[in-house]
Protein backbone atom coordinates (compact mmCIF):
# COMPACT_ATOMS: atom_id res chain seq x y z
CA MET A 1 45.97 -67.22 30.52
CA LYS A 2 49.69 -67.24 31.89
CA PHE A 3 50.78 -70.44 33.96
CA LEU A 4 53.92 -71.33 35.65
CA LEU A 5 54.68 -75.20 35.67
CA ASP A 6 55.65 -76.63 39.02
CA THR A 7 58.75 -78.98 38.74
CA GLN A 8 56.63 -82.17 38.50
CA ALA A 9 54.42 -80.80 35.77
CA LEU A 10 57.63 -79.68 33.95
CA ILE A 11 59.05 -83.01 34.16
CA PHE A 12 55.77 -84.69 33.01
CA ALA A 13 55.27 -82.04 30.11
CA GLY A 14 54.64 -83.98 26.79
CA SER A 15 53.90 -87.25 28.30
CA ASP A 16 50.71 -89.08 29.29
CA LYS A 17 51.58 -88.63 32.90
CA LEU A 18 49.59 -85.23 33.26
CA PRO A 19 45.91 -85.45 34.01
CA LYS A 20 43.52 -84.22 31.59
CA THR A 21 42.94 -80.50 32.88
CA ALA A 22 46.70 -79.89 33.31
CA SER A 23 47.53 -81.40 29.80
CA SER A 24 44.75 -79.31 28.22
CA ALA A 25 46.08 -76.03 29.85
CA LEU A 26 49.46 -76.86 28.76
CA VAL A 27 48.62 -77.41 25.05
CA SER A 28 46.06 -74.64 24.67
CA SER A 29 47.35 -72.08 22.17
CA SER A 30 45.64 -69.23 24.14
CA ASN A 31 47.92 -70.00 27.15
CA GLN A 32 51.46 -68.93 27.81
CA ILE A 33 53.50 -71.53 29.53
CA TYR A 34 56.44 -70.52 31.83
CA PHE A 35 58.96 -72.49 33.73
CA SER A 36 61.33 -71.46 36.36
CA THR A 37 65.04 -71.44 37.16
CA VAL A 38 63.76 -72.83 40.42
CA SER A 39 62.63 -76.25 38.66
CA LEU A 40 65.90 -76.56 36.97
CA TRP A 41 67.71 -76.10 40.19
CA GLU A 42 65.30 -78.57 41.98
CA ILE A 43 65.83 -81.25 39.16
CA GLY A 44 69.60 -80.78 39.20
CA ILE A 45 69.74 -81.29 43.00
CA LYS A 46 67.34 -84.26 43.00
CA SER A 47 69.38 -85.89 40.36
CA SER A 48 72.79 -85.44 42.01
CA LEU A 49 71.22 -86.80 45.27
CA GLY A 50 69.91 -89.94 43.41
CA LYS A 51 66.19 -88.93 44.11
CA LEU A 52 65.43 -88.36 40.51
CA ILE A 53 66.84 -90.09 37.33
CA PHE A 54 67.49 -87.29 35.00
CA LYS A 55 69.99 -88.03 32.13
CA ARG A 56 69.59 -84.76 30.30
CA ASN A 57 72.05 -81.89 30.58
CA LEU A 58 70.21 -78.91 32.25
CA ILE A 59 71.30 -76.41 29.64
CA GLU A 60 70.30 -78.42 26.79
CA TYR A 61 66.89 -79.33 28.59
CA LYS A 62 66.04 -75.56 29.00
CA ASP A 63 66.95 -74.91 25.46
CA LEU A 64 64.47 -77.79 24.45
CA LEU A 65 61.77 -76.38 26.66
CA ILE A 66 61.89 -72.98 24.76
CA ASP A 67 62.78 -74.07 21.31
CA ASP A 68 60.63 -77.30 20.94
CA LEU A 69 57.98 -76.74 23.41
CA GLY A 70 57.58 -72.90 23.14
CA PHE A 71 57.72 -72.55 27.00
CA LEU A 72 58.89 -69.13 28.32
CA PHE A 73 61.70 -68.94 31.10
CA LEU A 74 61.17 -67.18 34.33
CA GLN A 75 64.31 -66.33 36.09
CA ILE A 76 64.58 -65.73 39.84
CA ASP A 77 64.28 -62.05 40.75
CA VAL A 78 65.06 -60.63 44.32
CA SER A 79 61.15 -59.73 44.58
CA HIS A 80 60.21 -63.48 44.01
CA ILE A 81 62.63 -64.06 46.95
CA GLU A 82 61.32 -61.33 49.09
CA LYS A 83 57.70 -62.63 48.63
CA ALA A 84 58.73 -66.31 49.25
CA VAL A 85 60.42 -65.63 52.68
CA HIS A 86 57.42 -63.61 53.85
CA LEU A 87 54.87 -66.13 52.94
CA PRO A 88 52.92 -67.98 55.68
CA TRP A 89 54.39 -71.45 56.44
CA HIS A 90 51.59 -73.62 54.99
CA HIS A 91 54.18 -75.12 52.87
CA LYS A 92 57.66 -75.90 53.90
CA ASP A 93 59.36 -76.99 50.52
CA PRO A 94 61.77 -74.07 49.58
CA PHE A 95 61.43 -74.86 45.75
CA ASP A 96 57.69 -74.70 45.76
CA ARG A 97 57.76 -71.62 48.12
CA LEU A 98 59.88 -69.81 45.66
CA LEU A 99 57.63 -71.01 42.82
CA ILE A 100 54.56 -69.62 44.77
CA GLY A 101 56.46 -66.32 45.20
CA GLN A 102 57.10 -66.16 41.32
CA ALA A 103 53.53 -66.93 40.41
CA LEU A 104 52.05 -64.25 42.83
CA ILE A 105 54.44 -61.48 41.95
CA GLU A 106 54.23 -62.24 38.06
CA GLY A 107 50.28 -62.75 38.29
CA LEU A 108 50.63 -66.39 37.08
CA GLY A 109 48.38 -69.28 37.51
CA VAL A 110 50.14 -72.65 38.37
CA ILE A 111 50.17 -76.19 36.90
CA ALA A 112 50.78 -78.14 40.00
CA HIS A 113 49.48 -81.24 41.72
CA ASP A 114 50.23 -79.94 45.23
CA ALA A 115 47.08 -78.52 46.71
CA GLN A 116 48.98 -76.50 49.24
CA PHE A 117 49.50 -73.79 46.24
CA ASP A 118 45.77 -73.01 46.80
CA ARG A 119 46.43 -71.99 50.44
CA TYR A 120 48.42 -68.95 48.89
CA GLY A 121 45.75 -67.69 46.52
CA CYS A 122 47.44 -69.17 43.42
CA LYS A 123 45.04 -70.26 40.59
CA ARG A 124 45.97 -73.97 40.28
CA VAL A 125 45.27 -76.28 37.58
CA TRP A 126 45.75 -80.03 37.69
CA ASP A 127 42.96 -82.56 37.65
């Protein structure tokens, strides 16, 4: 299966902070794992606001995710934005709305803690 990591799952990838089901989906060789420009943007903004301590350079972090963890990089497309802006307002977080738009357009499940993803018809894996 193909999964898109939400930002929290991306940050926790490779650590013991992910629950068992999410961790199993992440490491299964039969799954393709994607991360998004959206998450890098969210990490950068939260870090610059002091809401997240993130000491990595985002460009180097992106390369590490691809080269060391084998994740696939999903860039933002206008179709993702179009989908996100027309979603019902179950969720107000703009980063999550764009991740949901990407997942729905690309046919990806999501590895995410936030149960609001379920309300949009995303196949979500976490606990």
